[in-house]
């Protein structure tokens, strides 16, 4: 008999409509539809809507998964969809890849006819227990699609097919039939004893002159800027970045594609790198923030952080 650890953290998958308040509220955690030959053990370290999740909660989940993965054949983690991709990526960075961990949730609550929770749970369990999942690190499963934690992102606020991410799913599960389209890659594991670093995200727009940059740099240990296109900013930003004592990582607000230091005009990506900024490779801003938090919490220097981002081995 296979053994599965089911870790509940809250979210829409554990919510229902409350007639008294007229809103969707937390309810009891869902169960996996019956799977013959599988013994399921439930864990609930907390129950939170995903906008309430902090990096400290991700660290708690990491420690719990490290403990239970030694005793179970697979781990499924339910999570609210709004920040699921950030938790998935944190676990991707900090867990050894042999642990078969699958995150899932739902876009509909339990009171809706189109509730997708049970199907997603069953699919996630099938993936977590499949022998080909081991060695891939944490995955996310929605609507039968299997996503890598590095690239998965929420692309729609309400649609059932809300999850995507360039270049797309790395696998597909239909019932008990699972097929992967990519092979596992070797990668380092970053294991900070605590996650104490603070990193803030600034969002670029036409006409931005760096408003909020100084204030964020004073509060934070590092900054991520969701820049324009391939990583470009208005002309006022290179001087601010050059004068900043904190590491500044440049991501893109565009939905897909890498950050490349191509342009040499004032504020172009090449001038930002010349001012000391660190390109985020293909990571979006909120995942670049997670990586920067982990590296700063490990005490890495600015040049060591630059090396990790440039090598792309994350």
C-alpha atoms as a PDB file:
ATOM      1  CA  UNK A   1       0.000   0.000   0.000  1.00  0.00           C
ATOM      2  CA  UNK A   2       1.254   3.492  -0.900  1.00  0.00           C
ATOM      3  CA  UNK A   3       1.358   6.255   1.708  1.00  0.00           C
ATOM      4  CA  UNK A   4       0.562   9.896   1.011  1.00  0.00           C
ATOM      5  CA  UNK A   5       0.962  12.942   3.240  1.00  0.00           C
ATOM      6  CA  UNK A   6      -1.741  15.532   2.574  1.00  0.00           C
ATOM      7  CA  UNK A   7      -0.786  18.960   3.946  1.00  0.00           C
ATOM      8  CA  UNK A   8      -3.597  21.528   4.147  1.00  0.00           C
ATOM      9  CA  UNK A   9      -2.869  25.264   4.368  1.00  0.00           C
ATOM     10  CA  UNK A  10      -6.229  26.830   3.444  1.00  0.00           C
ATOM     11  CA  UNK A  11      -7.304  28.737   0.355  1.00  0.00           C
ATOM     12  CA  UNK A  12     -10.353  28.488  -1.898  1.00  0.00           C
ATOM     13  CA  UNK A  13     -10.058  24.701  -1.974  1.00  0.00           C
ATOM     14  CA  UNK A  14     -10.918  24.771   1.752  1.00  0.00           C
ATOM     15  CA  UNK A  15     -13.647  27.441   1.476  1.00  0.00           C
ATOM     16  CA  UNK A  16     -17.377  27.682   0.896  1.00  0.00           C
ATOM     17  CA  UNK A  17     -20.046  30.342   0.515  1.00  0.00           C
ATOM     18  CA  UNK A  18     -21.393  31.653   3.797  1.00  0.00           C
ATOM     19  CA  UNK A  19     -24.973  32.899   3.448  1.00  0.00           C
ATOM     20  CA  UNK A  20     -24.814  34.969   6.635  1.00  0.00           C
ATOM     21  CA  UNK A  21     -21.865  37.064   5.533  1.00  0.00           C
ATOM     22  CA  UNK A  22     -22.594  36.874   1.813  1.00  0.00           C
ATOM     23  CA  UNK A  23     -18.979  35.972   1.099  1.00  0.00           C
ATOM     24  CA  UNK A  24     -16.675  33.001   0.677  1.00  0.00           C
ATOM     25  CA  UNK A  25     -15.162  31.960   4.014  1.00  0.00           C
ATOM     26  CA  UNK A  26     -12.791  29.237   5.275  1.00  0.00           C
ATOM     27  CA  UNK A  27     -14.345  25.841   5.885  1.00  0.00           C
ATOM     28  CA  UNK A  28     -13.018  22.378   6.636  1.00  0.00           C
ATOM     29  CA  UNK A  29     -10.107  21.003   4.652  1.00  0.00           C
ATOM     30  CA  UNK A  30     -11.052  18.782   1.690  1.00  0.00           C
ATOM     31  CA  UNK A  31     -10.376  15.065   1.412  1.00  0.00           C
ATOM     32  CA  UNK A  32      -8.847  13.304  -1.557  1.00  0.00           C
ATOM     33  CA  UNK A  33     -11.422  11.247  -3.483  1.00  0.00           C
ATOM     34  CA  UNK A  34     -11.027   7.581  -2.597  1.00  0.00           C
ATOM     35  CA  UNK A  35      -7.875   5.992  -3.991  1.00  0.00           C
ATOM     36  CA  UNK A  36      -7.743   2.226  -3.439  1.00  0.00           C
ATOM     37  CA  UNK A  37      -4.399   1.080  -2.122  1.00  0.00           C
ATOM     38  CA  UNK A  38      -3.390   4.529  -0.857  1.00  0.00           C
ATOM     39  CA  UNK A  39      -3.257   5.448   2.825  1.00  0.00           C
ATOM     40  CA  UNK A  40      -3.653   9.199   3.332  1.00  0.00           C
ATOM     41  CA  UNK A  41      -2.469  11.028   6.453  1.00  0.00           C
ATOM     42  CA  UNK A  42      -3.579  14.638   6.933  1.00  0.00           C
ATOM     43  CA  UNK A  43      -1.531  17.516   8.323  1.00  0.00           C
ATOM     44  CA  UNK A  44      -2.674  21.092   8.863  1.00  0.00           C
ATOM     45  CA  UNK A  45       0.080  23.429  10.086  1.00  0.00           C
ATOM     46  CA  UNK A  46      -2.180  26.458   9.524  1.00  0.00           C
ATOM     47  CA  UNK A  47      -5.257  27.569   7.599  1.00  0.00           C
ATOM     48  CA  UNK A  48      -4.753  30.866   5.814  1.00  0.00           C
ATOM     49  CA  UNK A  49      -5.947  32.566   2.664  1.00  0.00           C
ATOM     50  CA  UNK A  50      -2.942  32.794   0.376  1.00  0.00           C
ATOM     51  CA  UNK A  51      -2.655  36.615   0.577  1.00  0.00           C
ATOM     52  CA  UNK A  52      -1.799  36.052   4.254  1.00  0.00           C
ATOM     53  CA  UNK A  53       1.079  33.680   3.501  1.00  0.00           C
ATOM     54  CA  UNK A  54       4.530  35.011   4.415  1.00  0.00           C
ATOM     55  CA  UNK A  55       7.981  33.589   3.822  1.00  0.00           C
ATOM     56  CA  UNK A  56       7.980  32.408   7.430  1.00  0.00           C
ATOM     57  CA  UNK A  57       5.023  30.139   6.584  1.00  0.00           C
ATOM     58  CA  UNK A  58       6.928  28.783   3.587  1.00  0.00           C
ATOM     59  CA  UNK A  59       9.837  27.956   5.869  1.00  0.00           C
ATOM     60  CA  UNK A  60       7.489  26.094   8.227  1.00  0.00           C
ATOM     61  CA  UNK A  61       6.185  24.084   5.291  1.00  0.00           C
ATOM     62  CA  UNK A  62       9.719  23.295   4.188  1.00  0.00           C
ATOM     63  CA  UNK A  63      10.588  21.872   7.609  1.00  0.00           C
ATOM     64  CA  UNK A  64       7.341  19.883   7.766  1.00  0.00           C
ATOM     65  CA  UNK A  65       7.871  18.421   4.292  1.00  0.00           C
ATOM     66  CA  UNK A  66      11.477  17.503   5.115  1.00  0.00           C
ATOM     67  CA  UNK A  67      10.149  15.576   8.107  1.00  0.00           C
ATOM     68  CA  UNK A  68       7.168  13.798   6.533  1.00  0.00           C
ATOM     69  CA  UNK A  69       8.781  13.024   3.178  1.00  0.00           C
ATOM     70  CA  UNK A  70      11.036  10.486   4.913  1.00  0.00           C
ATOM     71  CA  UNK A  71       7.997   8.485   6.039  1.00  0.00           C
ATOM     72  CA  UNK A  72       5.666   8.813   3.020  1.00  0.00           C
ATOM     73  CA  UNK A  73       5.818   7.897  -0.644  1.00  0.00           C
ATOM     74  CA  UNK A  74       4.545  11.312  -1.732  1.00  0.00           C
ATOM     75  CA  UNK A  75       3.391  14.692  -0.447  1.00  0.00           C
ATOM     76  CA  UNK A  76       0.465  16.817  -1.659  1.00  0.00           C
ATOM     77  CA  UNK A  77       0.195  20.396  -0.428  1.00  0.00           C
ATOM     78  CA  UNK A  78      -3.051  22.344  -0.827  1.00  0.00           C
ATOM     79  CA  UNK A  79      -2.653  26.115  -1.023  1.00  0.00           C
ATOM     80  CA  UNK A  80      -4.572  29.218  -2.012  1.00  0.00           C
ATOM     81  CA  UNK A  81      -3.907  30.067  -5.643  1.00  0.00           C
ATOM     82  CA  UNK A  82      -2.927  33.743  -5.266  1.00  0.00           C
ATOM     83  CA  UNK A  83       0.552  33.052  -3.882  1.00  0.00           C
ATOM     84  CA  UNK A  84       0.891  29.331  -4.608  1.00  0.00           C
ATOM     85  CA  UNK A  85       3.611  29.935  -7.187  1.00  0.00           C
ATOM     86  CA  UNK A  86       5.774  31.745  -4.632  1.00  0.00           C
ATOM     87  CA  UNK A  87       5.493  28.945  -2.087  1.00  0.00           C
ATOM     88  CA  UNK A  88       6.186  26.404  -4.830  1.00  0.00           C
ATOM     89  CA  UNK A  89       9.335  28.243  -5.870  1.00  0.00           C
ATOM     90  CA  UNK A  90      10.554  28.676  -2.286  1.00  0.00           C
ATOM     91  CA  UNK A  91      10.188  24.924  -1.774  1.00  0.00           C
ATOM     92  CA  UNK A  92      11.905  24.314  -5.110  1.00  0.00           C
ATOM     93  CA  UNK A  93      14.921  26.278  -3.890  1.00  0.00           C
ATOM     94  CA  UNK A  94      15.120  24.857  -0.385  1.00  0.00           C
ATOM     95  CA  UNK A  95      14.031  21.188  -0.571  1.00  0.00           C
ATOM     96  CA  UNK A  96      16.184  18.339  -1.841  1.00  0.00           C
ATOM     97  CA  UNK A  97      14.729  17.392  -5.251  1.00  0.00           C
ATOM     98  CA  UNK A  98      14.186  13.715  -4.417  1.00  0.00           C
ATOM     99  CA  UNK A  99      11.118  14.536  -2.307  1.00  0.00           C
ATOM    100  CA  UNK A 100       7.998  14.121  -4.508  1.00  0.00           C
ATOM    101  CA  UNK A 101       5.975  17.211  -3.567  1.00  0.00           C
ATOM    102  CA  UNK A 102       2.952  18.445  -5.535  1.00  0.00           C
ATOM    103  CA  UNK A 103       1.045  21.664  -4.860  1.00  0.00           C
ATOM    104  CA  UNK A 104      -2.537  22.219  -5.909  1.00  0.00           C
ATOM    105  CA  UNK A 105      -5.638  24.227  -5.044  1.00  0.00           C
ATOM    106  CA  UNK A 106      -8.893  25.251  -6.678  1.00  0.00           C
ATOM    107  CA  UNK A 107     -10.369  28.208  -8.501  1.00  0.00           C
ATOM    108  CA  UNK A 108     -13.905  27.433  -7.316  1.00  0.00           C
ATOM    109  CA  UNK A 109     -15.153  26.924  -3.773  1.00  0.00           C
ATOM    110  CA  UNK A 110     -16.886  23.794  -2.500  1.00  0.00           C
ATOM    111  CA  UNK A 111     -20.381  25.238  -2.914  1.00  0.00           C
ATOM    112  CA  UNK A 112     -20.081  25.777  -6.660  1.00  0.00           C
ATOM    113  CA  UNK A 113     -21.197  23.214  -9.218  1.00  0.00           C
ATOM    114  CA  UNK A 114     -17.885  23.636 -11.016  1.00  0.00           C
ATOM    115  CA  UNK A 115     -15.736  23.020  -7.920  1.00  0.00           C
ATOM    116  CA  UNK A 116     -12.388  21.822  -9.220  1.00  0.00           C
ATOM    117  CA  UNK A 117     -10.924  20.897  -5.855  1.00  0.00           C
ATOM    118  CA  UNK A 118     -11.559  17.110  -5.833  1.00  0.00           C
ATOM    119  CA  UNK A 119     -10.249  16.607  -9.362  1.00  0.00           C
ATOM    120  CA  UNK A 120      -7.126  18.654  -8.718  1.00  0.00           C
ATOM    121  CA  UNK A 121      -6.500  16.782  -5.469  1.00  0.00           C
ATOM    122  CA  UNK A 122      -6.831  13.403  -7.158  1.00  0.00           C
ATOM    123  CA  UNK A 123      -4.524  14.460 -10.005  1.00  0.00           C
ATOM    124  CA  UNK A 124      -1.960  15.861  -7.561  1.00  0.00           C
ATOM    125  CA  UNK A 125      -1.993  12.611  -5.589  1.00  0.00           C
ATOM    126  CA  UNK A 126      -1.466  10.525  -8.732  1.00  0.00           C
ATOM    127  CA  UNK A 127       1.504  12.694  -9.703  1.00  0.00           C
ATOM    128  CA  UNK A 128       3.020  12.694  -6.202  1.00  0.00           C
ATOM    129  CA  UNK A 129       2.929   8.884  -6.015  1.00  0.00           C
ATOM    130  CA  UNK A 130       4.215   8.238  -9.530  1.00  0.00           C
ATOM    131  CA  UNK A 131       7.809   6.937  -9.638  1.00  0.00           C
ATOM    132  CA  UNK A 132       8.801   9.336 -12.436  1.00  0.00           C
ATOM    133  CA  UNK A 133       8.002  12.332 -10.222  1.00  0.00           C
ATOM    134  CA  UNK A 134      10.872  11.645  -7.845  1.00  0.00           C
ATOM    135  CA  UNK A 135      13.884  13.855  -8.512  1.00  0.00           C
ATOM    136  CA  UNK A 136      11.923  16.691 -10.139  1.00  0.00           C
ATOM    137  CA  UNK A 137      11.473  18.859  -7.077  1.00  0.00           C
ATOM    138  CA  UNK A 138       8.126  20.489  -6.214  1.00  0.00           C
ATOM    139  CA  UNK A 139       5.507  20.573  -8.974  1.00  0.00           C
ATOM    140  CA  UNK A 140       2.103  22.239  -9.362  1.00  0.00           C
ATOM    141  CA  UNK A 141      -0.899  20.420 -10.828  1.00  0.00           C
ATOM    142  CA  UNK A 142      -4.078  22.080 -12.090  1.00  0.00           C
ATOM    143  CA  UNK A 143      -6.655  20.710 -14.505  1.00  0.00           C
ATOM    144  CA  UNK A 144      -4.400  17.771 -15.323  1.00  0.00           C
ATOM    145  CA  UNK A 145      -1.472  19.956 -16.355  1.00  0.00           C
ATOM    146  CA  UNK A 146       1.818  19.480 -14.496  1.00  0.00           C
ATOM    147  CA  UNK A 147       3.985  22.580 -14.057  1.00  0.00           C
ATOM    148  CA  UNK A 148       7.551  23.173 -12.947  1.00  0.00           C
ATOM    149  CA  UNK A 149       7.759  25.346  -9.816  1.00  0.00           C
ATOM    150  CA  UNK A 150      10.206  27.741 -11.496  1.00  0.00           C
ATOM    151  CA  UNK A 151       7.907  28.750 -14.333  1.00  0.00           C
ATOM    152  CA  UNK A 152       4.333  28.175 -13.125  1.00  0.00           C
ATOM    153  CA  UNK A 153       2.306  31.349 -12.660  1.00  0.00           C
ATOM    154  CA  UNK A 154      -1.307  32.349 -12.215  1.00  0.00           C
ATOM    155  CA  UNK A 155      -2.456  33.887 -15.496  1.00  0.00           C
ATOM    156  CA  UNK A 156      -6.163  34.534 -14.849  1.00  0.00           C
ATOM    157  CA  UNK A 157      -8.101  35.715 -11.815  1.00  0.00           C
ATOM    158  CA  UNK A 158     -11.162  33.469 -12.183  1.00  0.00           C
ATOM    159  CA  UNK A 159     -10.816  30.910 -14.995  1.00  0.00           C
ATOM    160  CA  UNK A 160     -10.570  27.219 -14.166  1.00  0.00           C
ATOM    161  CA  UNK A 161      -7.503  27.052 -16.388  1.00  0.00           C
ATOM    162  CA  UNK A 162      -5.857  29.853 -14.445  1.00  0.00           C
ATOM    163  CA  UNK A 163      -2.336  28.453 -14.327  1.00  0.00           C
ATOM    164  CA  UNK A 164       0.248  28.577 -17.056  1.00  0.00           C
ATOM    165  CA  UNK A 165       3.718  29.951 -17.503  1.00  0.00           C
ATOM    166  CA  UNK A 166       6.151  29.990 -20.382  1.00  0.00           C
ATOM    167  CA  UNK A 167       7.124  27.547 -21.904  1.00  0.00           C
ATOM    168  CA  UNK A 168       4.097  25.615 -20.598  1.00  0.00           C
ATOM    169  CA  UNK A 169       3.358  22.376 -18.729  1.00  0.00           C
ATOM    170  CA  UNK A 170       6.115  19.799 -18.315  1.00  0.00           C
ATOM    171  CA  UNK A 171       3.622  16.948 -18.040  1.00  0.00           C
ATOM    172  CA  UNK A 172       0.018  15.806 -18.199  1.00  0.00           C
ATOM    173  CA  UNK A 173      -2.005  13.510 -15.947  1.00  0.00           C
ATOM    174  CA  UNK A 174      -5.295  11.930 -17.056  1.00  0.00           C
ATOM    175  CA  UNK A 175      -6.592   9.510 -14.470  1.00  0.00           C
ATOM    176  CA  UNK A 176      -3.691   7.190 -13.741  1.00  0.00           C
ATOM    177  CA  UNK A 177      -1.901   8.025 -16.983  1.00  0.00           C
ATOM    178  CA  UNK A 178       0.976  10.447 -16.409  1.00  0.00           C
ATOM    179  CA  UNK A 179       3.427  11.596 -19.025  1.00  0.00           C
ATOM    180  CA  UNK A 180       6.313  14.000 -18.571  1.00  0.00           C
ATOM    181  CA  UNK A 181       7.648  16.021 -21.501  1.00  0.00           C
ATOM    182  CA  UNK A 182      10.923  17.066 -19.851  1.00  0.00           C
ATOM    183  CA  UNK A 183      13.679  15.403 -17.863  1.00  0.00           C
ATOM    184  CA  UNK A 184      14.734  16.446 -14.347  1.00  0.00           C
ATOM    185  CA  UNK A 185      17.649  18.863 -14.130  1.00  0.00           C
ATOM    186  CA  UNK A 186      20.356  18.891 -11.500  1.00  0.00           C
ATOM    187  CA  UNK A 187      20.319  22.023  -9.359  1.00  0.00           C
ATOM    188  CA  UNK A 188      21.737  23.251  -6.072  1.00  0.00           C
ATOM    189  CA  UNK A 189      19.694  23.290  -2.883  1.00  0.00           C
ATOM    190  CA  UNK A 190      19.684  26.498  -0.855  1.00  0.00           C
ATOM    191  CA  UNK A 191      18.879  25.794   2.784  1.00  0.00           C
ATOM    192  CA  UNK A 192      18.855  28.925   4.947  1.00  0.00           C
ATOM    193  CA  UNK A 193      18.399  28.121   8.656  1.00  0.00           C
ATOM    194  CA  UNK A 194      16.029  31.089   8.800  1.00  0.00           C
ATOM    195  CA  UNK A 195      14.562  33.531   6.284  1.00  0.00           C
ATOM    196  CA  UNK A 196      15.113  36.894   7.872  1.00  0.00           C
ATOM    197  CA  UNK A 197      15.911  39.058   4.835  1.00  0.00           C
ATOM    198  CA  UNK A 198      13.421  41.646   3.617  1.00  0.00           C
ATOM    199  CA  UNK A 199      13.073  42.281  -0.110  1.00  0.00           C
ATOM    200  CA  UNK A 200      10.630  44.710  -1.717  1.00  0.00           C
ATOM    201  CA  UNK A 201       9.327  44.931  -5.278  1.00  0.00           C
ATOM    202  CA  UNK A 202       8.997  48.172  -7.226  1.00  0.00           C
ATOM    203  CA  UNK A 203       6.919  48.317 -10.409  1.00  0.00           C
ATOM    204  CA  UNK A 204       8.048  50.402 -13.370  1.00  0.00           C
ATOM    205  CA  UNK A 205       5.694  52.374 -15.605  1.00  0.00           C
ATOM    206  CA  UNK A 206       5.875  55.069 -18.249  1.00  0.00           C
ATOM    207  CA  UNK A 207       7.061  58.253 -16.585  1.00  0.00           C
ATOM    208  CA  UNK A 208       8.326  56.629 -13.388  1.00  0.00           C
ATOM    209  CA  UNK A 209      11.191  58.649 -11.938  1.00  0.00           C
ATOM    210  CA  UNK A 210      12.072  56.305  -9.103  1.00  0.00           C
ATOM    211  CA  UNK A 211       9.353  57.359  -6.668  1.00  0.00           C
ATOM    212  CA  UNK A 212       9.533  55.072  -3.626  1.00  0.00           C
ATOM    213  CA  UNK A 213      13.020  53.782  -4.439  1.00  0.00           C
ATOM    214  CA  UNK A 214      14.822  55.527  -1.556  1.00  0.00           C
ATOM    215  CA  UNK A 215      12.150  54.577   0.963  1.00  0.00           C
ATOM    216  CA  UNK A 216      12.165  50.920  -0.105  1.00  0.00           C
ATOM    217  CA  UNK A 217      15.963  50.764  -0.035  1.00  0.00           C
ATOM    218  CA  UNK A 218      15.990  52.116   3.527  1.00  0.00           C
ATOM    219  CA  UNK A 219      13.520  49.460   4.715  1.00  0.00           C
ATOM    220  CA  UNK A 220      14.758  46.459   2.780  1.00  0.00           C
ATOM    221  CA  UNK A 221      17.858  44.307   2.455  1.00  0.00           C
ATOM    222  CA  UNK A 222      17.384  44.103  -1.304  1.00  0.00           C
ATOM    223  CA  UNK A 223      15.142  45.339  -4.100  1.00  0.00           C
ATOM    224  CA  UNK A 224      13.520  43.813  -7.163  1.00  0.00           C
ATOM    225  CA  UNK A 225      12.239  46.060  -9.930  1.00  0.00           C
ATOM    226  CA  UNK A 226       9.612  44.787 -12.355  1.00  0.00           C
ATOM    227  CA  UNK A 227      11.081  46.681 -15.296  1.00  0.00           C
ATOM    228  CA  UNK A 228       9.917  47.261 -18.853  1.00  0.00           C
ATOM    229  CA  UNK A 229      10.494  44.866 -21.742  1.00  0.00           C
ATOM    230  CA  UNK A 230      13.845  43.079 -21.595  1.00  0.00           C
ATOM    231  CA  UNK A 231      14.748  44.976 -18.429  1.00  0.00           C
ATOM    232  CA  UNK A 232      14.724  48.696 -19.196  1.00  0.00           C
ATOM    233  CA  UNK A 233      13.829  51.695 -17.050  1.00  0.00           C
ATOM    234  CA  UNK A 234      13.398  55.476 -17.345  1.00  0.00           C
ATOM    235  CA  UNK A 235      16.616  57.548 -17.404  1.00  0.00           C
ATOM    236  CA  UNK A 236      16.507  58.562 -13.728  1.00  0.00           C
ATOM    237  CA  UNK A 237      17.058  55.005 -12.447  1.00  0.00           C
ATOM    238  CA  UNK A 238      20.735  54.196 -13.215  1.00  0.00           C
ATOM    239  CA  UNK A 239      21.953  56.869 -10.795  1.00  0.00           C
ATOM    240  CA  UNK A 240      19.625  55.599  -8.061  1.00  0.00           C
ATOM    241  CA  UNK A 241      20.795  52.027  -8.566  1.00  0.00           C
ATOM    242  CA  UNK A 242      24.462  53.024  -8.603  1.00  0.00           C
ATOM    243  CA  UNK A 243      24.068  54.860  -5.292  1.00  0.00           C
ATOM    244  CA  UNK A 244      22.138  52.032  -3.619  1.00  0.00           C
ATOM    245  CA  UNK A 245      24.004  49.939  -1.066  1.00  0.00           C
ATOM    246  CA  UNK A 246      21.506  47.085  -1.468  1.00  0.00           C
ATOM    247  CA  UNK A 247      21.462  44.520  -4.278  1.00  0.00           C
ATOM    248  CA  UNK A 248      18.956  45.538  -6.973  1.00  0.00           C
ATOM    249  CA  UNK A 249      17.565  42.790  -9.208  1.00  0.00           C
ATOM    250  CA  UNK A 250      15.913  43.676 -12.521  1.00  0.00           C
ATOM    251  CA  UNK A 251      12.976  41.481 -13.583  1.00  0.00           C
ATOM    252  CA  UNK A 252      10.369  42.308 -16.214  1.00  0.00           C
ATOM    253  CA  UNK A 253       6.710  43.200 -15.913  1.00  0.00           C
ATOM    254  CA  UNK A 254       6.173  41.420 -19.259  1.00  0.00           C
ATOM    255  CA  UNK A 255       4.488  38.049 -18.835  1.00  0.00           C
ATOM    256  CA  UNK A 256       7.226  35.936 -20.433  1.00  0.00           C
ATOM    257  CA  UNK A 257      10.781  36.199 -21.639  1.00  0.00           C
ATOM    258  CA  UNK A 258      14.240  36.839 -20.203  1.00  0.00           C
ATOM    259  CA  UNK A 259      15.853  40.013 -18.927  1.00  0.00           C
ATOM    260  CA  UNK A 260      18.722  40.910 -21.281  1.00  0.00           C
ATOM    261  CA  UNK A 261      21.052  43.946 -20.996  1.00  0.00           C
ATOM    262  CA  UNK A 262      20.679  44.970 -24.645  1.00  0.00           C
ATOM    263  CA  UNK A 263      20.078  48.714 -24.738  1.00  0.00           C
ATOM    264  CA  UNK A 264      22.701  51.364 -24.066  1.00  0.00           C
ATOM    265  CA  UNK A 265      20.472  54.434 -23.755  1.00  0.00           C
ATOM    266  CA  UNK A 266      20.022  56.016 -20.328  1.00  0.00           C
ATOM    267  CA  UNK A 267      17.959  53.507 -18.366  1.00  0.00           C
ATOM    268  CA  UNK A 268      18.470  50.747 -20.933  1.00  0.00           C
ATOM    269  CA  UNK A 269      19.334  47.311 -19.598  1.00  0.00           C
ATOM    270  CA  UNK A 270      23.044  47.649 -20.392  1.00  0.00           C
ATOM    271  CA  UNK A 271      23.301  50.895 -18.414  1.00  0.00           C
ATOM    272  CA  UNK A 272      21.431  49.336 -15.473  1.00  0.00           C
ATOM    273  CA  UNK A 273      23.904  46.463 -15.325  1.00  0.00           C
ATOM    274  CA  UNK A 274      26.700  49.009 -15.579  1.00  0.00           C
ATOM    275  CA  UNK A 275      25.198  50.750 -12.554  1.00  0.00           C
ATOM    276  CA  UNK A 276      25.316  47.508 -10.577  1.00  0.00           C
ATOM    277  CA  UNK A 277      21.879  45.970 -11.204  1.00  0.00           C
ATOM    278  CA  UNK A 278      21.501  42.182 -11.460  1.00  0.00           C
ATOM    279  CA  UNK A 279      19.336  40.735 -14.279  1.00  0.00           C
ATOM    280  CA  UNK A 280      16.768  38.195 -13.062  1.00  0.00           C
ATOM    281  CA  UNK A 281      17.103  35.853 -16.048  1.00  0.00           C
ATOM    282  CA  UNK A 282      13.639  34.363 -16.778  1.00  0.00           C
ATOM    283  CA  UNK A 283      12.235  34.770 -13.236  1.00  0.00           C
ATOM    284  CA  UNK A 284       9.273  37.073 -12.766  1.00  0.00           C
ATOM    285  CA  UNK A 285       9.525  39.736 -10.085  1.00  0.00           C
ATOM    286  CA  UNK A 286       7.867  37.814  -7.263  1.00  0.00           C
ATOM    287  CA  UNK A 287      10.000  34.716  -7.849  1.00  0.00           C
ATOM    288  CA  UNK A 288      13.152  36.822  -8.174  1.00  0.00           C
ATOM    289  CA  UNK A 289      12.184  38.246  -4.781  1.00  0.00           C
ATOM    290  CA  UNK A 290      11.979  34.742  -3.286  1.00  0.00           C
ATOM    291  CA  UNK A 291      15.406  33.812  -4.646  1.00  0.00           C
ATOM    292  CA  UNK A 292      16.918  37.073  -3.395  1.00  0.00           C
ATOM    293  CA  UNK A 293      15.413  36.534   0.078  1.00  0.00           C
ATOM    294  CA  UNK A 294      16.902  33.047   0.243  1.00  0.00           C
ATOM    295  CA  UNK A 295      20.355  34.187  -0.910  1.00  0.00           C
ATOM    296  CA  UNK A 296      20.431  37.170   1.454  1.00  0.00           C
ATOM    297  CA  UNK A 297      19.278  34.964   4.323  1.00  0.00           C
ATOM    298  CA  UNK A 298      22.282  32.739   3.577  1.00  0.00           C
ATOM    299  CA  UNK A 299      24.570  35.771   3.887  1.00  0.00           C
ATOM    300  CA  UNK A 300      25.573  35.835   0.220  1.00  0.00           C
ATOM    301  CA  UNK A 301      27.381  38.940  -1.002  1.00  0.00           C
ATOM    302  CA  UNK A 302      26.193  41.043  -3.925  1.00  0.00           C
ATOM    303  CA  UNK A 303      28.717  39.402  -6.254  1.00  0.00           C
ATOM    304  CA  UNK A 304      27.739  35.929  -5.088  1.00  0.00           C
ATOM    305  CA  UNK A 305      24.098  36.820  -5.695  1.00  0.00           C
ATOM    306  CA  UNK A 306      24.961  38.102  -9.158  1.00  0.00           C
ATOM    307  CA  UNK A 307      26.729  34.828  -9.922  1.00  0.00           C
ATOM    308  CA  UNK A 308      23.667  32.745  -8.989  1.00  0.00           C
ATOM    309  CA  UNK A 309      21.341  34.829 -11.162  1.00  0.00           C
ATOM    310  CA  UNK A 310      23.787  34.910 -14.081  1.00  0.00           C
ATOM    311  CA  UNK A 311      24.396  31.163 -14.056  1.00  0.00           C
ATOM    312  CA  UNK A 312      20.664  30.492 -13.916  1.00  0.00           C
ATOM    313  CA  UNK A 313      21.210  27.388 -11.819  1.00  0.00           C
ATOM    314  CA  UNK A 314      18.109  27.786  -9.689  1.00  0.00           C
END
